[in-house]
């Protein structure tokens, strides 16, 4: 495994399983959303409980960068981060 990126998470975790709710970017359409790194549940933004349908390939998503998060105005929701590892 090698370091892949920094994952920025929001709140106290996923309300479904307790995993980290990470700010994520859909590369195919450029939209940002929140995704649990354990159960893969998705929300439209850190302010709501609006669930999203899965409509992307796993290869088309990445952790949002701090700069992208700041551009969205979502940095106030960040409660922590961790190094995400790529399995190779």
C-alpha atoms as a PDB file:
ATOM      1  CA  UNK A   1       0.000   0.000   0.000  1.00  0.00           C
ATOM      2  CA  UNK A   2       1.120   3.557  -0.602  1.00  0.00           C
ATOM      3  CA  UNK A   3      -0.289   6.921   0.528  1.00  0.00           C
ATOM      4  CA  UNK A   4      -2.930   8.048  -1.930  1.00  0.00           C
ATOM      5  CA  UNK A   5      -4.461  11.265  -0.594  1.00  0.00           C
ATOM      6  CA  UNK A   6      -5.760  13.017   2.495  1.00  0.00           C
ATOM      7  CA  UNK A   7      -9.389  12.244   3.352  1.00  0.00           C
ATOM      8  CA  UNK A   8     -11.218  15.085   5.126  1.00  0.00           C
ATOM      9  CA  UNK A   9     -14.176  13.939   7.176  1.00  0.00           C
ATOM     10  CA  UNK A  10     -17.146  15.791   8.618  1.00  0.00           C
ATOM     11  CA  UNK A  11     -19.223  15.448  11.750  1.00  0.00           C
ATOM     12  CA  UNK A  12     -18.885  12.578  14.168  1.00  0.00           C
ATOM     13  CA  UNK A  13     -19.242   9.911  11.514  1.00  0.00           C
ATOM     14  CA  UNK A  14     -21.827   8.136   9.430  1.00  0.00           C
ATOM     15  CA  UNK A  15     -25.240   8.003  11.094  1.00  0.00           C
ATOM     16  CA  UNK A  16     -25.772   4.551   9.564  1.00  0.00           C
ATOM     17  CA  UNK A  17     -22.623   2.635  10.548  1.00  0.00           C
ATOM     18  CA  UNK A  18     -20.365   5.072  12.432  1.00  0.00           C
ATOM     19  CA  UNK A  19     -17.703   5.192   9.709  1.00  0.00           C
ATOM     20  CA  UNK A  20     -15.970   8.378   8.567  1.00  0.00           C
ATOM     21  CA  UNK A  21     -18.128  10.629   6.379  1.00  0.00           C
ATOM     22  CA  UNK A  22     -15.581  11.915   3.841  1.00  0.00           C
ATOM     23  CA  UNK A  23     -15.898  14.865   1.448  1.00  0.00           C
ATOM     24  CA  UNK A  24     -15.697  13.261  -1.993  1.00  0.00           C
ATOM     25  CA  UNK A  25     -15.631  14.402  -5.624  1.00  0.00           C
ATOM     26  CA  UNK A  26     -17.314  12.676  -8.559  1.00  0.00           C
ATOM     27  CA  UNK A  27     -14.750  13.082 -11.354  1.00  0.00           C
ATOM     28  CA  UNK A  28     -17.228  12.383 -14.161  1.00  0.00           C
ATOM     29  CA  UNK A  29     -19.476  15.365 -13.377  1.00  0.00           C
ATOM     30  CA  UNK A  30     -17.381  17.462 -10.961  1.00  0.00           C
ATOM     31  CA  UNK A  31     -19.967  17.340  -8.167  1.00  0.00           C
ATOM     32  CA  UNK A  32     -18.987  17.035  -4.518  1.00  0.00           C
ATOM     33  CA  UNK A  33     -20.786  14.944  -1.917  1.00  0.00           C
ATOM     34  CA  UNK A  34     -20.247  13.175   1.394  1.00  0.00           C
ATOM     35  CA  UNK A  35     -19.521   9.443   1.376  1.00  0.00           C
ATOM     36  CA  UNK A  36     -19.037   7.033   4.261  1.00  0.00           C
ATOM     37  CA  UNK A  37     -15.697   5.265   3.898  1.00  0.00           C
ATOM     38  CA  UNK A  38     -17.143   2.089   5.462  1.00  0.00           C
ATOM     39  CA  UNK A  39     -20.697   1.492   4.184  1.00  0.00           C
ATOM     40  CA  UNK A  40     -20.418   3.806   1.131  1.00  0.00           C
ATOM     41  CA  UNK A  41     -23.635   5.692   1.919  1.00  0.00           C
ATOM     42  CA  UNK A  42     -23.769   9.090   0.247  1.00  0.00           C
ATOM     43  CA  UNK A  43     -25.233  12.488   1.118  1.00  0.00           C
ATOM     44  CA  UNK A  44     -25.613  15.577  -1.040  1.00  0.00           C
ATOM     45  CA  UNK A  45     -23.784  17.871   1.398  1.00  0.00           C
ATOM     46  CA  UNK A  46     -22.609  18.066   5.023  1.00  0.00           C
ATOM     47  CA  UNK A  47     -25.684  20.058   6.105  1.00  0.00           C
ATOM     48  CA  UNK A  48     -28.400  17.548   5.217  1.00  0.00           C
ATOM     49  CA  UNK A  49     -29.372  13.914   5.471  1.00  0.00           C
ATOM     50  CA  UNK A  50     -30.388  13.807   1.789  1.00  0.00           C
ATOM     51  CA  UNK A  51     -29.285  10.400   0.547  1.00  0.00           C
ATOM     52  CA  UNK A  52     -27.955  10.106  -2.996  1.00  0.00           C
ATOM     53  CA  UNK A  53     -28.366   7.205  -5.410  1.00  0.00           C
ATOM     54  CA  UNK A  54     -25.105   5.622  -6.554  1.00  0.00           C
ATOM     55  CA  UNK A  55     -24.532   6.823 -10.086  1.00  0.00           C
ATOM     56  CA  UNK A  56     -20.792   6.567 -10.608  1.00  0.00           C
ATOM     57  CA  UNK A  57     -18.049   4.029 -11.101  1.00  0.00           C
ATOM     58  CA  UNK A  58     -15.656   3.686  -8.169  1.00  0.00           C
ATOM     59  CA  UNK A  59     -12.827   4.714 -10.476  1.00  0.00           C
ATOM     60  CA  UNK A  60     -14.582   8.067 -11.032  1.00  0.00           C
ATOM     61  CA  UNK A  61     -14.387   9.332  -7.437  1.00  0.00           C
ATOM     62  CA  UNK A  62     -11.621  10.791  -5.271  1.00  0.00           C
ATOM     63  CA  UNK A  63     -11.188  12.518  -1.946  1.00  0.00           C
ATOM     64  CA  UNK A  64     -11.717  16.263  -2.242  1.00  0.00           C
ATOM     65  CA  UNK A  65      -8.610  18.372  -1.683  1.00  0.00           C
ATOM     66  CA  UNK A  66      -8.520  21.029   1.029  1.00  0.00           C
ATOM     67  CA  UNK A  67      -8.469  23.716  -1.670  1.00  0.00           C
ATOM     68  CA  UNK A  68     -11.603  22.268  -3.314  1.00  0.00           C
ATOM     69  CA  UNK A  69     -13.325  22.072   0.072  1.00  0.00           C
ATOM     70  CA  UNK A  70     -12.457  25.701   0.810  1.00  0.00           C
ATOM     71  CA  UNK A  71     -13.800  26.736  -2.618  1.00  0.00           C
ATOM     72  CA  UNK A  72     -17.100  25.053  -1.690  1.00  0.00           C
ATOM     73  CA  UNK A  73     -17.207  26.796   1.696  1.00  0.00           C
ATOM     74  CA  UNK A  74     -17.358  23.400   3.435  1.00  0.00           C
ATOM     75  CA  UNK A  75     -14.145  23.771   5.494  1.00  0.00           C
ATOM     76  CA  UNK A  76     -16.237  24.702   8.551  1.00  0.00           C
ATOM     77  CA  UNK A  77     -17.596  21.121   8.551  1.00  0.00           C
ATOM     78  CA  UNK A  78     -14.185  19.406   8.671  1.00  0.00           C
ATOM     79  CA  UNK A  79     -13.633  17.649  11.995  1.00  0.00           C
ATOM     80  CA  UNK A  80     -10.510  15.700  11.055  1.00  0.00           C
ATOM     81  CA  UNK A  81      -8.502  13.985   8.366  1.00  0.00           C
ATOM     82  CA  UNK A  82      -6.446  10.883   7.708  1.00  0.00           C
ATOM     83  CA  UNK A  83      -4.059   9.576   5.065  1.00  0.00           C
ATOM     84  CA  UNK A  84      -6.009   7.378   2.683  1.00  0.00           C
ATOM     85  CA  UNK A  85      -4.017   4.476   1.250  1.00  0.00           C
ATOM     86  CA  UNK A  86      -4.187   3.051  -2.246  1.00  0.00           C
ATOM     87  CA  UNK A  87      -3.993  -0.743  -2.350  1.00  0.00           C
ATOM     88  CA  UNK A  88      -1.389  -1.847  -4.898  1.00  0.00           C
END
